[in-house]
Amino acid sequence: MNNFSTTKWCFDTVWAVSDRTLTGLLEIITLAEDFQDLTGQVIKKITDIVSSIEQQLLSVLTENIAPERREQFAAQDAALASESSSKLLMNQPARQGGRVAGPVTGR
């Protein structure tokens, strides 16, 4: 083999190996993104369930307290509900193209 043939064979081999590596890494990245999306969906569902349970418990408590204290707790409940909903809106990241915008952490 001459130098040209050896060099060409070397470049072809490196190109093929790097192409397989790139394909594998892209697959790993795609799987990680899908896992992150699913994890976010599960967390959102759990947060919604906990919020619903909290509202139901507050409702049970306010229905079963003395009438003179009921108005006081109803006002506090309304204030807490508006405060927690405004905090949720402020903490939600912006979304672009179906995915959360911003840097990926953990690198």
N, C-alpha and C. Protein backbone atom coordinates (compact mmCIF):
# COMPACT_ATOMS: atom_id res chain seq x y z
N MET A 1 0.84 -1.18 0.00
CA MET A 1 0.00 0.00 0.00
C MET A 1 0.89 1.25 0.00
N ASN A 2 0.48 2.22 -0.76
CA ASN A 2 1.24 3.46 -0.76
C ASN A 2 0.66 4.41 0.30
N ASN A 3 1.30 5.52 0.47
CA ASN A 3 0.88 6.47 1.49
C ASN A 3 -0.52 7.01 1.23
N PHE A 4 -0.86 7.27 -0.02
CA PHE A 4 -2.18 7.78 -0.35
C PHE A 4 -3.27 6.78 0.04
N SER A 5 -3.07 5.52 -0.31
CA SER A 5 -4.06 4.48 0.00
C SER A 5 -4.21 4.31 1.50
N THR A 6 -3.11 4.33 2.20
CA THR A 6 -3.15 4.18 3.66
C THR A 6 -3.88 5.35 4.29
N THR A 7 -3.59 6.54 3.85
CA THR A 7 -4.25 7.74 4.40
C THR A 7 -5.74 7.72 4.09
N LYS A 8 -6.10 7.36 2.85
CA LYS A 8 -7.51 7.30 2.48
C LYS A 8 -8.24 6.26 3.32
N TRP A 9 -7.63 5.08 3.49
CA TRP A 9 -8.25 4.04 4.31
C TRP A 9 -8.44 4.53 5.75
N CYS A 10 -7.43 5.22 6.27
CA CYS A 10 -7.50 5.74 7.64
C CYS A 10 -8.65 6.75 7.77
N PHE A 11 -8.76 7.69 6.84
CA PHE A 11 -9.83 8.68 6.89
C PHE A 11 -11.20 8.02 6.74
N ASP A 12 -11.33 7.05 5.85
CA ASP A 12 -12.60 6.35 5.68
C ASP A 12 -13.01 5.63 6.95
N THR A 13 -12.04 5.00 7.61
CA THR A 13 -12.33 4.28 8.85
C THR A 13 -12.75 5.24 9.96
N VAL A 14 -12.01 6.34 10.10
CA VAL A 14 -12.35 7.34 11.12
C VAL A 14 -13.73 7.92 10.85
N TRP A 15 -14.03 8.20 9.57
CA TRP A 15 -15.34 8.76 9.20
C TRP A 15 -16.47 7.80 9.59
N ALA A 16 -16.31 6.53 9.30
CA ALA A 16 -17.34 5.54 9.60
C ALA A 16 -17.54 5.40 11.11
N VAL A 17 -16.44 5.35 11.86
CA VAL A 17 -16.54 5.21 13.32
C VAL A 17 -17.17 6.45 13.93
N SER A 18 -16.77 7.63 13.48
CA SER A 18 -17.34 8.86 14.04
C SER A 18 -18.82 8.99 13.67
N ASP A 19 -19.21 8.52 12.50
CA ASP A 19 -20.62 8.55 12.11
C ASP A 19 -21.46 7.66 13.02
N ARG A 20 -20.95 6.46 13.32
CA ARG A 20 -21.67 5.57 14.24
C ARG A 20 -21.73 6.18 15.64
N THR A 21 -20.65 6.81 16.07
CA THR A 21 -20.64 7.44 17.40
C THR A 21 -21.64 8.57 17.46
N LEU A 22 -21.69 9.40 16.43
CA LEU A 22 -22.65 10.51 16.38
C LEU A 22 -24.08 9.99 16.43
N THR A 23 -24.36 8.95 15.67
CA THR A 23 -25.70 8.37 15.66
C THR A 23 -26.08 7.87 17.06
N GLY A 24 -25.15 7.19 17.73
CA GLY A 24 -25.41 6.70 19.08
C GLY A 24 -25.64 7.82 20.07
N LEU A 25 -24.84 8.88 19.98
CA LEU A 25 -24.99 10.01 20.90
C LEU A 25 -26.31 10.75 20.66
N LEU A 26 -26.71 10.91 19.42
CA LEU A 26 -27.99 11.55 19.13
C LEU A 26 -29.16 10.73 19.67
N GLU A 27 -29.05 9.42 19.59
CA GLU A 27 -30.10 8.55 20.16
C GLU A 27 -30.17 8.72 21.67
N ILE A 28 -29.02 8.78 22.32
CA ILE A 28 -28.99 8.97 23.78
C ILE A 28 -29.62 10.31 24.16
N ILE A 29 -29.29 11.36 23.42
CA ILE A 29 -29.84 12.69 23.71
C ILE A 29 -31.35 12.69 23.53
N THR A 30 -31.84 12.06 22.47
CA THR A 30 -33.28 11.99 22.23
C THR A 30 -33.99 11.24 23.35
N LEU A 31 -33.43 10.12 23.79
CA LEU A 31 -34.04 9.37 24.89
C LEU A 31 -34.04 10.18 26.17
N ALA A 32 -32.97 10.92 26.44
CA ALA A 32 -32.91 11.74 27.65
C ALA A 32 -33.96 12.85 27.61
N GLU A 33 -34.15 13.47 26.45
CA GLU A 33 -35.17 14.51 26.32
C GLU A 33 -36.57 13.93 26.53
N ASP A 34 -36.83 12.76 25.96
CA ASP A 34 -38.13 12.12 26.15
C ASP A 34 -38.36 11.80 27.62
N PHE A 35 -37.34 11.30 28.30
CA PHE A 35 -37.47 10.98 29.72
C PHE A 35 -37.75 12.24 30.52
N GLN A 36 -37.06 13.34 30.18
CA GLN A 36 -37.29 14.60 30.88
C GLN A 36 -38.72 15.08 30.67
N ASP A 37 -39.24 14.97 29.44
CA ASP A 37 -40.62 15.37 29.16
C ASP A 37 -41.60 14.54 29.97
N LEU A 38 -41.40 13.22 30.01
CA LEU A 38 -42.30 12.35 30.76
C LEU A 38 -42.23 12.64 32.26
N THR A 39 -41.03 12.89 32.77
CA THR A 39 -40.87 13.20 34.18
C THR A 39 -41.61 14.49 34.52
N GLY A 40 -41.51 15.49 33.66
CA GLY A 40 -42.22 16.74 33.88
C GLY A 40 -43.73 16.55 33.88
N GLN A 41 -44.23 15.69 33.01
CA GLN A 41 -45.66 15.42 32.96
C GLN A 41 -46.13 14.74 34.24
N VAL A 42 -45.35 13.80 34.75
CA VAL A 42 -45.70 13.10 35.99
C VAL A 42 -45.70 14.08 37.16
N ILE A 43 -44.70 14.93 37.23
CA ILE A 43 -44.62 15.92 38.31
C ILE A 43 -45.82 16.86 38.25
N LYS A 44 -46.20 17.29 37.05
CA LYS A 44 -47.35 18.18 36.91
C LYS A 44 -48.64 17.49 37.37
N LYS A 45 -48.82 16.23 37.00
CA LYS A 45 -50.02 15.50 37.42
C LYS A 45 -50.07 15.37 38.94
N ILE A 46 -48.94 15.04 39.56
CA ILE A 46 -48.89 14.89 41.01
C ILE A 46 -49.17 16.23 41.68
N THR A 47 -48.62 17.31 41.14
CA THR A 47 -48.87 18.64 41.69
C THR A 47 -50.35 19.00 41.59
N ASP A 48 -50.97 18.68 40.47
CA ASP A 48 -52.40 18.94 40.30
C ASP A 48 -53.24 18.13 41.29
N ILE A 49 -52.87 16.87 41.50
CA ILE A 49 -53.60 16.02 42.45
C ILE A 49 -53.47 16.56 43.87
N VAL A 50 -52.25 16.93 44.25
CA VAL A 50 -52.03 17.46 45.61
C VAL A 50 -52.80 18.76 45.80
N SER A 51 -52.82 19.62 44.78
CA SER A 51 -53.56 20.87 44.88
C SER A 51 -55.06 20.60 45.03
N SER A 52 -55.57 19.64 44.27
CA SER A 52 -56.99 19.29 44.37
C SER A 52 -57.33 18.75 45.76
N ILE A 53 -56.47 17.88 46.28
CA ILE A 53 -56.70 17.33 47.62
C ILE A 53 -56.67 18.44 48.67
N GLU A 54 -55.73 19.37 48.51
CA GLU A 54 -55.64 20.49 49.45
C GLU A 54 -56.93 21.31 49.44
N GLN A 55 -57.44 21.60 48.23
CA GLN A 55 -58.68 22.37 48.14
C GLN A 55 -59.86 21.61 48.76
N GLN A 56 -59.91 20.29 48.55
CA GLN A 56 -60.99 19.49 49.13
C GLN A 56 -60.90 19.46 50.66
N LEU A 57 -59.68 19.34 51.18
CA LEU A 57 -59.51 19.35 52.64
C LEU A 57 -59.90 20.69 53.24
N LEU A 58 -59.51 21.78 52.58
CA LEU A 58 -59.91 23.09 53.06
C LEU A 58 -61.42 23.26 53.03
N SER A 59 -62.04 22.71 51.99
CA SER A 59 -63.49 22.78 51.88
C SER A 59 -64.16 22.02 53.02
N VAL A 60 -63.66 20.83 53.32
CA VAL A 60 -64.22 20.03 54.43
C VAL A 60 -64.03 20.77 55.75
N LEU A 61 -62.86 21.34 55.93
CA LEU A 61 -62.60 22.06 57.19
C LEU A 61 -63.49 23.28 57.33
N THR A 62 -63.65 24.05 56.27
CA THR A 62 -64.47 25.26 56.37
C THR A 62 -65.95 24.93 56.52
N GLU A 63 -66.39 23.79 56.01
CA GLU A 63 -67.80 23.40 56.16
C GLU A 63 -68.11 22.94 57.58
N ASN A 64 -67.10 22.48 58.29
CA ASN A 64 -67.33 21.89 59.61
C ASN A 64 -66.82 22.73 60.77
N ILE A 65 -66.56 24.00 60.55
CA ILE A 65 -66.17 24.86 61.66
C ILE A 65 -67.35 25.72 62.09
N ALA A 66 -67.20 26.38 63.20
CA ALA A 66 -68.28 27.22 63.72
C ALA A 66 -68.59 28.34 62.72
N PRO A 67 -69.87 28.71 62.59
CA PRO A 67 -70.27 29.72 61.60
C PRO A 67 -69.53 31.05 61.74
N GLU A 68 -69.24 31.47 62.96
CA GLU A 68 -68.56 32.76 63.14
C GLU A 68 -67.11 32.74 62.63
N ARG A 69 -66.50 31.58 62.61
CA ARG A 69 -65.12 31.47 62.12
C ARG A 69 -65.06 31.16 60.62
N ARG A 70 -66.19 30.76 60.04
CA ARG A 70 -66.22 30.33 58.64
C ARG A 70 -65.80 31.46 57.69
N GLU A 71 -66.28 32.69 57.94
CA GLU A 71 -65.93 33.81 57.07
C GLU A 71 -64.44 34.13 57.15
N GLN A 72 -63.88 34.03 58.34
CA GLN A 72 -62.46 34.30 58.51
C GLN A 72 -61.62 33.31 57.71
N PHE A 73 -61.95 32.04 57.79
CA PHE A 73 -61.19 31.02 57.05
C PHE A 73 -61.43 31.11 55.55
N ALA A 74 -62.63 31.50 55.14
CA ALA A 74 -62.91 31.64 53.71
C ALA A 74 -62.04 32.74 53.11
N ALA A 75 -61.87 33.85 53.83
CA ALA A 75 -61.03 34.95 53.35
C ALA A 75 -59.57 34.51 53.27
N GLN A 76 -59.10 33.79 54.27
CA GLN A 76 -57.73 33.29 54.27
C GLN A 76 -57.52 32.29 53.13
N ASP A 77 -58.50 31.44 52.90
CA ASP A 77 -58.42 30.45 51.82
C ASP A 77 -58.30 31.13 50.46
N ALA A 78 -59.11 32.17 50.24
CA ALA A 78 -59.07 32.89 48.97
C ALA A 78 -57.71 33.57 48.77
N ALA A 79 -57.17 34.13 49.84
CA ALA A 79 -55.86 34.80 49.75
C ALA A 79 -54.76 33.79 49.44
N LEU A 80 -54.79 32.63 50.09
CA LEU A 80 -53.79 31.61 49.84
C LEU A 80 -53.89 31.05 48.42
N ALA A 81 -55.11 30.86 47.94
CA ALA A 81 -55.31 30.32 46.60
C ALA A 81 -54.76 31.28 45.54
N SER A 82 -55.03 32.58 45.70
CA SER A 82 -54.54 33.54 44.71
C SER A 82 -53.02 33.67 44.79
N GLU A 83 -52.46 33.58 46.00
CA GLU A 83 -51.00 33.66 46.16
C GLU A 83 -50.30 32.46 45.53
N SER A 84 -50.84 31.26 45.75
CA SER A 84 -50.20 30.07 45.19
C SER A 84 -50.34 30.02 43.67
N SER A 85 -51.46 30.48 43.11
CA SER A 85 -51.60 30.47 41.66
C SER A 85 -50.68 31.51 41.01
N SER A 86 -50.47 32.65 41.65
CA SER A 86 -49.55 33.64 41.08
C SER A 86 -48.11 33.15 41.16
N LYS A 87 -47.75 32.41 42.21
CA LYS A 87 -46.40 31.85 42.31
C LYS A 87 -46.18 30.80 41.23
N LEU A 88 -47.19 29.98 40.95
CA LEU A 88 -47.06 28.97 39.91
C LEU A 88 -46.86 29.60 38.55
N LEU A 89 -47.59 30.67 38.27
CA LEU A 89 -47.46 31.34 36.98
C LEU A 89 -46.09 31.98 36.81
N MET A 90 -45.54 32.52 37.89
CA MET A 90 -44.25 33.19 37.82
C MET A 90 -43.11 32.18 37.67
N ASN A 91 -43.27 30.96 38.17
CA ASN A 91 -42.20 29.96 38.15
C ASN A 91 -42.21 29.07 36.93
N GLN A 92 -43.19 29.21 36.03
CA GLN A 92 -43.25 28.37 34.85
C GLN A 92 -42.28 28.89 33.80
N PRO A 93 -41.41 27.99 33.26
CA PRO A 93 -40.47 28.43 32.22
C PRO A 93 -41.19 28.66 30.90
N ALA A 94 -40.61 29.51 30.07
CA ALA A 94 -41.17 29.76 28.74
C ALA A 94 -40.99 28.52 27.88
N ARG A 95 -41.96 28.25 27.00
CA ARG A 95 -41.88 27.08 26.14
C ARG A 95 -41.70 27.53 24.70
N GLN A 96 -40.84 26.80 24.00
CA GLN A 96 -40.60 27.08 22.59
C GLN A 96 -40.69 25.77 21.82
N GLY A 97 -41.58 25.71 20.88
CA GLY A 97 -41.68 24.54 20.01
C GLY A 97 -41.99 23.26 20.76
N GLY A 98 -42.80 23.33 21.84
CA GLY A 98 -43.18 22.13 22.57
C GLY A 98 -42.18 21.70 23.63
N ARG A 99 -41.05 22.37 23.72
CA ARG A 99 -40.03 22.02 24.71
C ARG A 99 -39.75 23.26 25.56
N VAL A 100 -39.30 23.02 26.78
CA VAL A 100 -38.98 24.11 27.69
C VAL A 100 -37.76 24.85 27.18
N ALA A 101 -37.84 26.17 27.11
CA ALA A 101 -36.70 26.96 26.65
C ALA A 101 -35.73 27.17 27.79
N GLY A 102 -34.47 27.26 27.47
CA GLY A 102 -33.46 27.54 28.49
C GLY A 102 -32.36 26.51 28.45
N PRO A 103 -31.32 26.76 29.23
CA PRO A 103 -30.17 25.85 29.21
C PRO A 103 -30.49 24.52 29.86
N VAL A 104 -29.82 23.48 29.41
CA VAL A 104 -29.95 22.16 30.00
C VAL A 104 -28.94 22.07 31.12
N THR A 105 -29.39 21.67 32.31
CA THR A 105 -28.50 21.60 33.46
C THR A 105 -27.94 20.20 33.59
N GLY A 106 -26.91 20.05 34.39
CA GLY A 106 -26.36 18.75 34.67
C GLY A 106 -25.23 18.35 33.74
N ARG A 107 -24.65 19.30 33.05
CA ARG A 107 -23.54 18.97 32.14
C ARG A 107 -22.22 19.17 32.83
